Amino acid sequence: MRIQDVDPAFRHDVLQGLSAEPRAIPARWLYDPRGSALFEAITTLPEYYPTRVERSILSSAIDEIAALTGPNRAVVEFGSGSSAKTPILLSQVSPVAYVPIDISGEFLTDSAAALSDKFPRLPIYPLIADFTRGFALPDAINGAPRLGFFPGSTIGNLVVPAAVDLLRVMSTNLGAGSMLLIGIDRVKDQEILLLAYDDPKGITAAFNLNLLHRINRELGGSLPVDGFRHVVRWNDAEVRIEMHLEASRDVQFEIDGWAFSIAKGETIHTENSLKYGLRDAFVLLRAGGWTPIAEWTDQDEFFSLILAKQGSALSAP
């Protein structure tokens, strides 16, 4: 791949992020085809509870969800990935169309094709886009009420102001009368959280380090991947898990003609995963223009699935 063919936003975020203090690269760039495949492998690990627990909640609550949303909505899934949980939803809510949105085009095409085989009569309109930025939904679903589907607690990857902004963008894009079904991870024991993001098999480490391989491949970088290690931290003040790439020795490298130097022990911050209490999650949704109308959780209260309607009920004296 030639550098001039690379997404200019990727180049900008990498060069600016590595020049900043502290260094950080947005988590969305973890998801090239290799990164997406590694993340799907992570979701099957016994230590990674969110996918397993959310799927169980969705399966148990799906009849109630279908009754509350009603039929004939266009289901719009943000960050669809492999759409592993999506068949549970599509099989019960009687949608008129399905729009999966993902930043990884190759992965999106494969998952959309698999869903088309399962639901041959359902119109599917895959959309390659970074849903955290501006995009337009397909004209084919104009006029249909929308049900946004945002599983996996992906909202936790964003700091609170950015999460609120994204929820507002979703409200605008989905339009009047829309609803949102969103997965949100709950606060829990730190040992459970740390293990979920630093598994013994090293798959999460490979997922994180793959970002450096991507930079080298797409931006002509000379990053010494073996000079970094995957590090996970719990930031109690921010109520979040943090993923970092820590230099295990002093390293020097270039990216697209830019020279960088990182000392041993310094890190590149690659991902956040914020955790919310139930009241916190409701406040977040209301701030983003959504009114929660139902919530489901598991027996251990590890995870929440929340259904909200567009519009935040505001009152003042």
C-alpha atoms as a PDB file:
ATOM      1  CA  MET A   1       0.000   0.000   0.000  1.00  0.00           C
ATOM      2  CA  ARG A   2       1.332   3.429  -0.962  1.00  0.00           C
ATOM      3  CA  ILE A   3       1.341   6.094   1.750  1.00  0.00           C
ATOM      4  CA  GLN A   4      -0.691   8.407  -0.475  1.00  0.00           C
ATOM      5  CA  ASP A   5      -3.454   5.759  -0.556  1.00  0.00           C
ATOM      6  CA  VAL A   6      -3.728   5.577   3.250  1.00  0.00           C
ATOM      7  CA  ASP A   7      -6.606   7.260   5.082  1.00  0.00           C
ATOM      8  CA  PRO A   8      -5.246  10.758   5.777  1.00  0.00           C
ATOM      9  CA  ALA A   9      -6.995  10.730   9.155  1.00  0.00           C
ATOM     10  CA  PHE A  10      -4.918   7.687  10.158  1.00  0.00           C
ATOM     11  CA  ARG A  11      -1.691   9.419   9.161  1.00  0.00           C
ATOM     12  CA  HIS A  12      -2.713  12.603  10.997  1.00  0.00           C
ATOM     13  CA  ASP A  13      -3.742  10.809  14.186  1.00  0.00           C
ATOM     14  CA  VAL A  14      -0.571   8.715  14.314  1.00  0.00           C
ATOM     15  CA  LEU A  15       1.862  11.555  13.665  1.00  0.00           C
ATOM     16  CA  GLN A  16       0.092  14.003  15.964  1.00  0.00           C
ATOM     17  CA  GLY A  17      -0.525  11.381  18.621  1.00  0.00           C
ATOM     18  CA  LEU A  18       3.107  10.315  18.791  1.00  0.00           C
ATOM     19  CA  SER A  19       4.213  13.952  18.914  1.00  0.00           C
ATOM     20  CA  ALA A  20       1.902  14.773  21.818  1.00  0.00           C
ATOM     21  CA  GLU A  21       2.560  14.494  25.538  1.00  0.00           C
ATOM     22  CA  PRO A  22       1.370  12.064  26.716  1.00  0.00           C
ATOM     23  CA  ARG A  23       1.455  10.012  23.514  1.00  0.00           C
ATOM     24  CA  ALA A  24      -1.862   8.541  22.396  1.00  0.00           C
ATOM     25  CA  ILE A  25      -3.417   7.097  19.230  1.00  0.00           C
ATOM     26  CA  PRO A  26      -7.225   6.769  18.951  1.00  0.00           C
ATOM     27  CA  ALA A  27      -8.525   3.243  19.523  1.00  0.00           C
ATOM     28  CA  ARG A  28     -10.423   3.131  16.227  1.00  0.00           C
ATOM     29  CA  TRP A  29      -7.115   2.541  14.394  1.00  0.00           C
ATOM     30  CA  LEU A  30      -6.703  -0.805  16.154  1.00  0.00           C
ATOM     31  CA  TYR A  31      -9.315  -2.212  13.767  1.00  0.00           C
ATOM     32  CA  ASP A  32      -7.672  -3.018  10.456  1.00  0.00           C
ATOM     33  CA  PRO A  33      -8.624  -6.482   9.067  1.00  0.00           C
ATOM     34  CA  ARG A  34      -6.009  -8.206  11.245  1.00  0.00           C
ATOM     35  CA  GLY A  35      -7.015  -6.198  14.306  1.00  0.00           C
ATOM     36  CA  SER A  36     -10.698  -6.922  13.731  1.00  0.00           C
ATOM     37  CA  ALA A  37      -9.981 -10.652  13.473  1.00  0.00           C
ATOM     38  CA  LEU A  38      -7.936 -10.550  16.671  1.00  0.00           C
ATOM     39  CA  PHE A  39     -10.708  -8.717  18.482  1.00  0.00           C
ATOM     40  CA  GLU A  40     -13.205 -11.365  17.443  1.00  0.00           C
ATOM     41  CA  ALA A  41     -10.830 -13.955  18.928  1.00  0.00           C
ATOM     42  CA  ILE A  42     -10.737 -11.914  22.144  1.00  0.00           C
ATOM     43  CA  THR A  43     -14.531 -12.048  22.422  1.00  0.00           C
ATOM     44  CA  THR A  44     -14.404 -15.857  22.677  1.00  0.00           C
ATOM     45  CA  LEU A  45     -11.936 -15.902  25.585  1.00  0.00           C
ATOM     46  CA  PRO A  46     -13.309 -17.027  28.970  1.00  0.00           C
ATOM     47  CA  GLU A  47     -11.690 -14.000  30.631  1.00  0.00           C
ATOM     48  CA  TYR A  48     -13.457 -11.569  28.314  1.00  0.00           C
ATOM     49  CA  TYR A  49     -16.932 -11.520  29.862  1.00  0.00           C
ATOM     50  CA  PRO A  50     -18.625  -8.600  27.978  1.00  0.00           C
ATOM     51  CA  THR A  51     -19.527 -10.464  24.778  1.00  0.00           C
ATOM     52  CA  ARG A  52     -20.710 -13.606  26.529  1.00  0.00           C
ATOM     53  CA  VAL A  53     -22.742 -11.765  29.163  1.00  0.00           C
ATOM     54  CA  GLU A  54     -24.278  -9.287  26.729  1.00  0.00           C
ATOM     55  CA  ARG A  55     -25.340 -12.079  24.374  1.00  0.00           C
ATOM     56  CA  SER A  56     -27.025 -13.850  27.292  1.00  0.00           C
ATOM     57  CA  ILE A  57     -28.853 -10.677  28.341  1.00  0.00           C
ATOM     58  CA  LEU A  58     -29.981 -10.007  24.761  1.00  0.00           C
ATOM     59  CA  SER A  59     -31.261 -13.562  24.336  1.00  0.00           C
ATOM     60  CA  SER A  60     -33.245 -13.364  27.577  1.00  0.00           C
ATOM     61  CA  ALA A  61     -34.689  -9.904  26.944  1.00  0.00           C
ATOM     62  CA  ILE A  62     -35.330 -10.078  23.197  1.00  0.00           C
ATOM     63  CA  ASP A  63     -39.105 -10.603  23.434  1.00  0.00           C
ATOM     64  CA  GLU A  64     -39.460  -7.541  25.673  1.00  0.00           C
ATOM     65  CA  ILE A  65     -37.185  -5.542  23.372  1.00  0.00           C
ATOM     66  CA  ALA A  66     -39.256  -6.486  20.326  1.00  0.00           C
ATOM     67  CA  ALA A  67     -42.476  -5.501  22.092  1.00  0.00           C
ATOM     68  CA  LEU A  68     -41.054  -2.117  23.096  1.00  0.00           C
ATOM     69  CA  THR A  69     -39.491  -1.232  19.743  1.00  0.00           C
ATOM     70  CA  GLY A  70     -42.261  -2.556  17.519  1.00  0.00           C
ATOM     71  CA  PRO A  71     -41.810  -3.944  13.974  1.00  0.00           C
ATOM     72  CA  ASN A  72     -40.760  -2.364  10.684  1.00  0.00           C
ATOM     73  CA  ARG A  73     -37.766  -0.386  11.868  1.00  0.00           C
ATOM     74  CA  ALA A  74     -34.482  -0.098  10.004  1.00  0.00           C
ATOM     75  CA  VAL A  75     -31.820  -1.496  12.326  1.00  0.00           C
ATOM     76  CA  VAL A  76     -28.596   0.538  12.179  1.00  0.00           C
ATOM     77  CA  GLU A  77     -25.640  -1.107  13.929  1.00  0.00           C
ATOM     78  CA  PHE A  78     -22.693   1.070  14.881  1.00  0.00           C
ATOM     79  CA  GLY A  79     -19.339  -0.742  14.791  1.00  0.00           C
ATOM     80  CA  SER A  80     -20.912  -3.983  13.627  1.00  0.00           C
ATOM     81  CA  GLY A  81     -17.721  -6.079  13.453  1.00  0.00           C
ATOM     82  CA  SER A  82     -18.709  -9.703  12.885  1.00  0.00           C
ATOM     83  CA  SER A  83     -22.351  -8.910  13.815  1.00  0.00           C
ATOM     84  CA  ALA A  84     -22.229 -11.916  16.143  1.00  0.00           C
ATOM     85  CA  LYS A  85     -25.137 -10.784  18.353  1.00  0.00           C
ATOM     86  CA  THR A  86     -27.132  -9.209  15.540  1.00  0.00           C
ATOM     87  CA  PRO A  87     -29.069 -12.333  14.419  1.00  0.00           C
ATOM     88  CA  ILE A  88     -30.708 -12.483  17.862  1.00  0.00           C
ATOM     89  CA  LEU A  89     -32.066  -8.966  17.325  1.00  0.00           C
ATOM     90  CA  LEU A  90     -32.974  -9.277  13.648  1.00  0.00           C
ATOM     91  CA  SER A  91     -34.846 -12.525  14.163  1.00  0.00           C
ATOM     92  CA  GLN A  92     -37.316 -10.927  16.586  1.00  0.00           C
ATOM     93  CA  VAL A  93     -37.806  -7.229  15.802  1.00  0.00           C
ATOM     94  CA  SER A  94     -39.104  -7.740  12.226  1.00  0.00           C
ATOM     95  CA  PRO A  95     -36.918  -5.044  10.629  1.00  0.00           C
ATOM     96  CA  VAL A  96     -37.462  -3.584   7.160  1.00  0.00           C
ATOM     97  CA  ALA A  97     -33.708  -3.191   6.590  1.00  0.00           C
ATOM     98  CA  TYR A  98     -30.341  -3.601   8.288  1.00  0.00           C
ATOM     99  CA  VAL A  99     -27.434  -1.148   8.000  1.00  0.00           C
ATOM    100  CA  PRO A 100     -24.152  -2.397   9.504  1.00  0.00           C
ATOM    101  CA  ILE A 101     -21.526   0.329   9.892  1.00  0.00           C
ATOM    102  CA  ASP A 102     -17.854  -0.477  10.414  1.00  0.00           C
ATOM    103  CA  ILE A 103     -14.481   1.111   9.737  1.00  0.00           C
ATOM    104  CA  SER A 104     -12.974  -2.158   8.434  1.00  0.00           C
ATOM    105  CA  GLY A 105     -14.370  -2.624   4.920  1.00  0.00           C
ATOM    106  CA  GLU A 106     -13.077  -6.148   4.352  1.00  0.00           C
ATOM    107  CA  PHE A 107     -14.458  -7.388   7.656  1.00  0.00           C
ATOM    108  CA  LEU A 108     -17.762  -5.601   7.064  1.00  0.00           C
ATOM    109  CA  THR A 109     -18.235  -7.194   3.635  1.00  0.00           C
ATOM    110  CA  ASP A 110     -17.697 -10.699   4.991  1.00  0.00           C
ATOM    111  CA  SER A 111     -20.043 -10.294   7.954  1.00  0.00           C
ATOM    112  CA  ALA A 112     -22.757  -8.669   5.809  1.00  0.00           C
ATOM    113  CA  ALA A 113     -22.572 -11.570   3.352  1.00  0.00           C
ATOM    114  CA  ALA A 114     -22.938 -14.074   6.188  1.00  0.00           C
ATOM    115  CA  LEU A 115     -26.000 -12.253   7.519  1.00  0.00           C
ATOM    116  CA  SER A 116     -27.512 -12.082   4.051  1.00  0.00           C
ATOM    117  CA  ASP A 117     -27.365 -15.882   3.931  1.00  0.00           C
ATOM    118  CA  LYS A 118     -29.214 -16.089   7.262  1.00  0.00           C
ATOM    119  CA  PHE A 119     -31.810 -13.460   6.334  1.00  0.00           C
ATOM    120  CA  PRO A 120     -32.200 -13.702   2.534  1.00  0.00           C
ATOM    121  CA  ARG A 121     -35.332 -11.511   2.430  1.00  0.00           C
ATOM    122  CA  LEU A 122     -33.885  -8.696   4.534  1.00  0.00           C
ATOM    123  CA  PRO A 123     -32.356  -5.745   2.625  1.00  0.00           C
ATOM    124  CA  ILE A 124     -28.823  -5.188   3.958  1.00  0.00           C
ATOM    125  CA  TYR A 125     -26.875  -2.037   3.201  1.00  0.00           C
ATOM    126  CA  PRO A 126     -23.266  -2.239   4.519  1.00  0.00           C
ATOM    127  CA  LEU A 127     -21.704   1.154   5.164  1.00  0.00           C
ATOM    128  CA  ILE A 128     -17.930   1.580   5.452  1.00  0.00           C
ATOM    129  CA  ALA A 129     -17.474   4.565   7.757  1.00  0.00           C
ATOM    130  CA  ASP A 130     -15.986   5.815  10.988  1.00  0.00           C
ATOM    131  CA  PHE A 131     -19.240   6.276  12.873  1.00  0.00           C
ATOM    132  CA  THR A 132     -17.558   8.659  15.328  1.00  0.00           C
ATOM    133  CA  ARG A 133     -17.330  11.139  12.458  1.00  0.00           C
ATOM    134  CA  GLY A 134     -19.844  12.458   9.971  1.00  0.00           C
ATOM    135  CA  PHE A 135     -21.566  10.026   7.605  1.00  0.00           C
ATOM    136  CA  ALA A 136     -24.854   9.665   5.736  1.00  0.00           C
ATOM    137  CA  LEU A 137     -27.219   6.712   6.036  1.00  0.00           C
ATOM    138  CA  PRO A 138     -28.386   5.015   2.805  1.00  0.00           C
ATOM    139  CA  ASP A 139     -31.249   6.700   0.978  1.00  0.00           C
ATOM    140  CA  ALA A 140     -32.950   3.292   0.824  1.00  0.00           C
ATOM    141  CA  ILE A 141     -34.022   3.552   4.479  1.00  0.00           C
ATOM    142  CA  ASN A 142     -35.455   7.066   4.183  1.00  0.00           C
ATOM    143  CA  GLY A 143     -38.893   7.198   5.757  1.00  0.00           C
ATOM    144  CA  ALA A 144     -38.384   4.165   7.975  1.00  0.00           C
ATOM    145  CA  PRO A 145     -38.142   4.633  11.750  1.00  0.00           C
ATOM    146  CA  ARG A 146     -34.715   3.552  12.994  1.00  0.00           C
ATOM    147  CA  LEU A 147     -33.449   1.369  15.801  1.00  0.00           C
ATOM    148  CA  GLY A 148     -29.812   2.049  16.575  1.00  0.00           C
ATOM    149  CA  PHE A 149     -27.876  -0.957  17.875  1.00  0.00           C
ATOM    150  CA  PHE A 150     -24.634  -0.207  19.712  1.00  0.00           C
ATOM    151  CA  PRO A 151     -23.537  -3.356  21.550  1.00  0.00           C
ATOM    152  CA  GLY A 152     -20.236  -4.356  23.101  1.00  0.00           C
ATOM    153  CA  SER A 153     -19.898  -1.336  25.416  1.00  0.00           C
ATOM    154  CA  THR A 154     -18.007   0.439  22.629  1.00  0.00           C
ATOM    155  CA  ILE A 155     -19.308   3.693  24.121  1.00  0.00           C
ATOM    156  CA  GLY A 156     -16.785   3.042  26.906  1.00  0.00           C
ATOM    157  CA  ASN A 157     -13.894   3.593  24.487  1.00  0.00           C
ATOM    158  CA  LEU A 158     -14.729   7.295  24.485  1.00  0.00           C
ATOM    159  CA  VAL A 159     -14.067   9.799  27.223  1.00  0.00           C
ATOM    160  CA  VAL A 160     -17.300  11.269  28.564  1.00  0.00           C
ATOM    161  CA  PRO A 161     -17.459  14.492  26.472  1.00  0.00           C
ATOM    162  CA  ALA A 162     -16.764  12.506  23.284  1.00  0.00           C
ATOM    163  CA  ALA A 163     -19.325   9.863  24.290  1.00  0.00           C
ATOM    164  CA  VAL A 164     -21.971  12.547  24.772  1.00  0.00           C
ATOM    165  CA  ASP A 165     -21.103  14.067  21.398  1.00  0.00           C
ATOM    166  CA  LEU A 166     -21.375  10.668  19.716  1.00  0.00           C
ATOM    167  CA  LEU A 167     -24.778   9.966  21.280  1.00  0.00           C
ATOM    168  CA  ARG A 168     -25.974  13.319  19.962  1.00  0.00           C
ATOM    169  CA  VAL A 169     -24.658  12.510  16.483  1.00  0.00           C
ATOM    170  CA  MET A 170     -26.477   9.180  16.630  1.00  0.00           C
ATOM    171  CA  SER A 171     -29.677  10.945  17.606  1.00  0.00           C
ATOM    172  CA  THR A 172     -29.359  13.334  14.673  1.00  0.00           C
ATOM    173  CA  ASN A 173     -28.441  10.618  12.159  1.00  0.00           C
ATOM    174  CA  LEU A 174     -31.140   8.197  13.247  1.00  0.00           C
ATOM    175  CA  GLY A 175     -33.801  10.891  13.116  1.00  0.00           C
ATOM    176  CA  ALA A 176     -37.154  11.584  14.703  1.00  0.00           C
ATOM    177  CA  GLY A 177     -38.857   8.720  16.481  1.00  0.00           C
ATOM    178  CA  SER A 178     -35.695   6.643  16.666  1.00  0.00           C
ATOM    179  CA  MET A 179     -34.669   4.295  19.451  1.00  0.00           C
ATOM    180  CA  LEU A 180     -31.272   3.071  20.629  1.00  0.00           C
ATOM    181  CA  LEU A 181     -30.323  -0.294  22.128  1.00  0.00           C
ATOM    182  CA  ILE A 182     -26.916   0.114  23.750  1.00  0.00           C
ATOM    183  CA  GLY A 183     -24.598  -2.128  25.758  1.00  0.00           C
ATOM    184  CA  ILE A 184     -22.756  -0.530  28.686  1.00  0.00           C
ATOM    185  CA  ASP A 185     -20.183  -2.243  30.899  1.00  0.00           C
ATOM    186  CA  ARG A 186     -20.620  -1.878  34.654  1.00  0.00           C
ATOM    187  CA  VAL A 187     -18.082  -1.089  37.365  1.00  0.00           C
ATOM    188  CA  LYS A 188     -16.766  -4.283  39.022  1.00  0.00           C
ATOM    189  CA  ASP A 189     -13.788  -5.891  40.745  1.00  0.00           C
ATOM    190  CA  GLN A 190     -10.487  -4.667  39.313  1.00  0.00           C
ATOM    191  CA  GLU A 191      -9.019  -8.167  39.031  1.00  0.00           C
ATOM    192  CA  ILE A 192     -11.873  -9.224  36.745  1.00  0.00           C
ATOM    193  CA  LEU A 193     -11.400  -6.119  34.608  1.00  0.00           C
ATOM    194  CA  LEU A 194      -7.632  -6.400  34.313  1.00  0.00           C
ATOM    195  CA  LEU A 195      -7.780 -10.055  33.323  1.00  0.00           C
ATOM    196  CA  ALA A 196     -10.396  -9.314  30.658  1.00  0.00           C
ATOM    197  CA  TYR A 197      -7.954  -6.933  28.939  1.00  0.00           C
ATOM    198  CA  ASP A 198      -4.727  -8.873  29.520  1.00  0.00           C
ATOM    199  CA  ASP A 199      -5.541 -12.519  28.849  1.00  0.00           C
ATOM    200  CA  PRO A 200      -3.045 -15.316  29.590  1.00  0.00           C
ATOM    201  CA  LYS A 201      -2.952 -16.407  25.921  1.00  0.00           C
ATOM    202  CA  GLY A 202      -1.677 -12.985  24.857  1.00  0.00           C
ATOM    203  CA  ILE A 203      -4.373 -12.401  22.245  1.00  0.00           C
ATOM    204  CA  THR A 204      -5.191  -8.930  23.585  1.00  0.00           C
ATOM    205  CA  ALA A 205      -1.479  -8.142  23.578  1.00  0.00           C
ATOM    206  CA  ALA A 206      -1.279  -9.181  19.913  1.00  0.00           C
ATOM    207  CA  PHE A 207      -4.336  -7.016  19.174  1.00  0.00           C
ATOM    208  CA  ASN A 208      -2.670  -3.986  20.761  1.00  0.00           C
ATOM    209  CA  LEU A 209       0.756  -4.572  19.180  1.00  0.00           C
ATOM    210  CA  ASN A 210      -0.871  -5.027  15.770  1.00  0.00           C
ATOM    211  CA  LEU A 211      -1.296  -1.247  15.702  1.00  0.00           C
ATOM    212  CA  LEU A 212       2.477  -0.905  15.387  1.00  0.00           C
ATOM    213  CA  HIS A 213       2.554  -3.436  12.537  1.00  0.00           C
ATOM    214  CA  ARG A 214      -0.170  -1.417  10.798  1.00  0.00           C
ATOM    215  CA  ILE A 215       1.789   1.822  11.176  1.00  0.00           C
ATOM    216  CA  ASN A 216       4.887   0.191   9.717  1.00  0.00           C
ATOM    217  CA  ARG A 217       2.961  -1.318   6.816  1.00  0.00           C
ATOM    218  CA  GLU A 218       0.709   1.587   5.856  1.00  0.00           C
ATOM    219  CA  LEU A 219       2.857   4.584   6.816  1.00  0.00           C
ATOM    220  CA  GLY A 220       6.312   3.244   5.995  1.00  0.00           C
ATOM    221  CA  GLY A 221       7.254   3.175   9.676  1.00  0.00           C
ATOM    222  CA  SER A 222      10.326   1.594  11.248  1.00  0.00           C
ATOM    223  CA  LEU A 223       8.832   0.963  14.679  1.00  0.00           C
ATOM    224  CA  PRO A 224      10.648  -1.893  16.462  1.00  0.00           C
ATOM    225  CA  VAL A 225       7.582  -3.889  17.496  1.00  0.00           C
ATOM    226  CA  ASP A 226       9.698  -6.141  19.711  1.00  0.00           C
ATOM    227  CA  GLY A 227      10.681  -3.030  21.661  1.00  0.00           C
ATOM    228  CA  PHE A 228       7.165  -2.587  23.055  1.00  0.00           C
ATOM    229  CA  ARG A 229       4.917  -4.564  25.361  1.00  0.00           C
ATOM    230  CA  HIS A 230       1.198  -4.574  26.069  1.00  0.00           C
ATOM    231  CA  VAL A 231       0.302  -2.943  29.408  1.00  0.00           C
ATOM    232  CA  VAL A 232      -3.125  -2.690  31.059  1.00  0.00           C
ATOM    233  CA  ARG A 233      -3.942  -0.293  33.916  1.00  0.00           C
ATOM    234  CA  TRP A 234      -6.969   0.535  36.026  1.00  0.00           C
ATOM    235  CA  ASN A 235      -7.406   4.297  36.341  1.00  0.00           C
ATOM    236  CA  ASP A 236      -9.643   4.663  39.392  1.00  0.00           C
ATOM    237  CA  ALA A 237     -10.019   8.434  39.127  1.00  0.00           C
ATOM    238  CA  GLU A 238     -11.375   8.127  35.569  1.00  0.00           C
ATOM    239  CA  VAL A 239     -13.166   4.798  36.265  1.00  0.00           C
ATOM    240  CA  ARG A 240     -11.616   3.128  33.259  1.00  0.00           C
ATOM    241  CA  ILE A 241      -9.324   0.405  31.990  1.00  0.00           C
ATOM    242  CA  GLU A 242      -6.438   1.772  29.918  1.00  0.00           C
ATOM    243  CA  MET A 243      -4.398  -0.086  27.307  1.00  0.00           C
ATOM    244  CA  HIS A 244      -0.880   1.138  26.600  1.00  0.00           C
ATOM    245  CA  LEU A 245       2.114   0.091  24.528  1.00  0.00           C
ATOM    246  CA  GLU A 246       5.138   0.522  26.782  1.00  0.00           C
ATOM    247  CA  ALA A 247       8.683   0.810  25.450  1.00  0.00           C
ATOM    248  CA  SER A 248      10.764  -2.011  26.943  1.00  0.00           C
ATOM    249  CA  ARG A 249      13.953  -0.201  25.887  1.00  0.00           C
ATOM    250  CA  ASP A 250      14.929   3.155  24.425  1.00  0.00           C
ATOM    251  CA  VAL A 251      13.686   3.202  20.824  1.00  0.00           C
ATOM    252  CA  GLN A 252      14.156   5.483  17.811  1.00  0.00           C
ATOM    253  CA  PHE A 253      12.168   5.203  14.615  1.00  0.00           C
ATOM    254  CA  GLU A 254      10.719   7.091  11.664  1.00  0.00           C
ATOM    255  CA  ILE A 255       7.214   7.319  10.235  1.00  0.00           C
ATOM    256  CA  ASP A 256       6.673   8.951   6.858  1.00  0.00           C
ATOM    257  CA  GLY A 257       9.858  11.003   7.299  1.00  0.00           C
ATOM    258  CA  TRP A 258       9.074  12.048  10.884  1.00  0.00           C
ATOM    259  CA  ALA A 259      11.666  11.012  13.507  1.00  0.00           C
ATOM    260  CA  PHE A 260      10.604   9.842  16.966  1.00  0.00           C
ATOM    261  CA  SER A 261      12.357   8.773  20.144  1.00  0.00           C
ATOM    262  CA  ILE A 262      10.670   7.025  23.066  1.00  0.00           C
ATOM    263  CA  ALA A 263      12.509   6.247  26.294  1.00  0.00           C
ATOM    264  CA  LYS A 264      12.251   2.941  28.124  1.00  0.00           C
ATOM    265  CA  GLY A 265       9.117   2.910  30.311  1.00  0.00           C
ATOM    266  CA  GLU A 266       7.256   5.563  28.291  1.00  0.00           C
ATOM    267  CA  THR A 267       3.963   4.531  26.742  1.00  0.00           C
ATOM    268  CA  ILE A 268       1.636   5.082  23.808  1.00  0.00           C
ATOM    269  CA  HIS A 269      -1.938   5.170  25.123  1.00  0.00           C
ATOM    270  CA  THR A 270      -4.091   3.161  22.699  1.00  0.00           C
ATOM    271  CA  GLU A 271      -7.469   2.523  24.310  1.00  0.00           C
ATOM    272  CA  ASN A 272      -9.799   3.420  27.168  1.00  0.00           C
ATOM    273  CA  SER A 273     -12.706   1.353  28.397  1.00  0.00           C
ATOM    274  CA  LEU A 274     -14.841   3.374  30.782  1.00  0.00           C
ATOM    275  CA  LYS A 275     -17.112   1.538  33.210  1.00  0.00           C
ATOM    276  CA  TYR A 276     -20.423   2.949  34.428  1.00  0.00           C
ATOM    277  CA  GLY A 277     -22.791   2.522  37.322  1.00  0.00           C
ATOM    278  CA  LEU A 278     -26.466   2.305  36.341  1.00  0.00           C
ATOM    279  CA  ARG A 279     -27.270   5.893  37.318  1.00  0.00           C
ATOM    280  CA  ASP A 280     -24.114   7.070  35.534  1.00  0.00           C
ATOM    281  CA  ALA A 281     -25.199   5.315  32.341  1.00  0.00           C
ATOM    282  CA  PHE A 282     -28.654   6.915  32.499  1.00  0.00           C
ATOM    283  CA  VAL A 283     -27.137  10.384  32.992  1.00  0.00           C
ATOM    284  CA  LEU A 284     -24.788   9.781  30.052  1.00  0.00           C
ATOM    285  CA  LEU A 285     -27.672   8.817  27.770  1.00  0.00           C
ATOM    286  CA  ARG A 286     -29.786  11.794  28.819  1.00  0.00           C
ATOM    287  CA  ALA A 287     -26.857  14.137  28.215  1.00  0.00           C
ATOM    288  CA  GLY A 288     -26.577  12.673  24.726  1.00  0.00           C
ATOM    289  CA  GLY A 289     -30.227  13.285  23.889  1.00  0.00           C
ATOM    290  CA  TRP A 290     -31.722   9.895  24.783  1.00  0.00           C
ATOM    291  CA  THR A 291     -34.311   8.930  27.390  1.00  0.00           C
ATOM    292  CA  PRO A 292     -33.798   5.440  28.879  1.00  0.00           C
ATOM    293  CA  ILE A 293     -37.033   3.423  28.929  1.00  0.00           C
ATOM    294  CA  ALA A 294     -35.835  -0.065  29.908  1.00  0.00           C
ATOM    295  CA  GLU A 295     -32.713  -1.746  31.285  1.00  0.00           C
ATOM    296  CA  TRP A 296     -31.668  -5.363  31.554  1.00  0.00           C
ATOM    297  CA  THR A 297     -28.675  -6.848  33.335  1.00  0.00           C
ATOM    298  CA  ASP A 298     -27.217 -10.221  34.296  1.00  0.00           C
ATOM    299  CA  GLN A 299     -27.368 -11.888  37.696  1.00  0.00           C
ATOM    300  CA  ASP A 300     -23.942 -10.555  38.693  1.00  0.00           C
ATOM    301  CA  GLU A 301     -24.739  -7.058  37.359  1.00  0.00           C
ATOM    302  CA  PHE A 302     -21.599  -7.135  35.224  1.00  0.00           C
ATOM    303  CA  PHE A 303     -23.219  -5.538  32.189  1.00  0.00           C
ATOM    304  CA  SER A 304     -26.269  -3.485  31.159  1.00  0.00           C
ATOM    305  CA  LEU A 305     -28.346  -3.468  28.008  1.00  0.00           C
ATOM    306  CA  ILE A 306     -30.388  -0.271  27.838  1.00  0.00           C
ATOM    307  CA  LEU A 307     -33.172   0.734  25.457  1.00  0.00           C
ATOM    308  CA  ALA A 308     -33.671   4.465  25.012  1.00  0.00           C
ATOM    309  CA  LYS A 309     -35.860   6.702  22.881  1.00  0.00           C
ATOM    310  CA  GLN A 310     -34.784   9.847  21.118  1.00  0.00           C
ATOM    311  CA  GLY A 311     -35.187  13.017  23.128  1.00  0.00           C
ATOM    312  CA  SER A 312     -34.109  13.807  26.668  1.00  0.00           C
ATOM    313  CA  ALA A 313     -36.938  14.905  28.937  1.00  0.00           C
ATOM    314  CA  LEU A 314     -35.752  18.163  30.495  1.00  0.00           C
ATOM    315  CA  SER A 315     -37.404  20.005  33.308  1.00  0.00           C
ATOM    316  CA  ALA A 316     -36.497  23.085  35.267  1.00  0.00           C
ATOM    317  CA  PRO A 317     -38.144  25.185  37.957  1.00  0.00           C
END
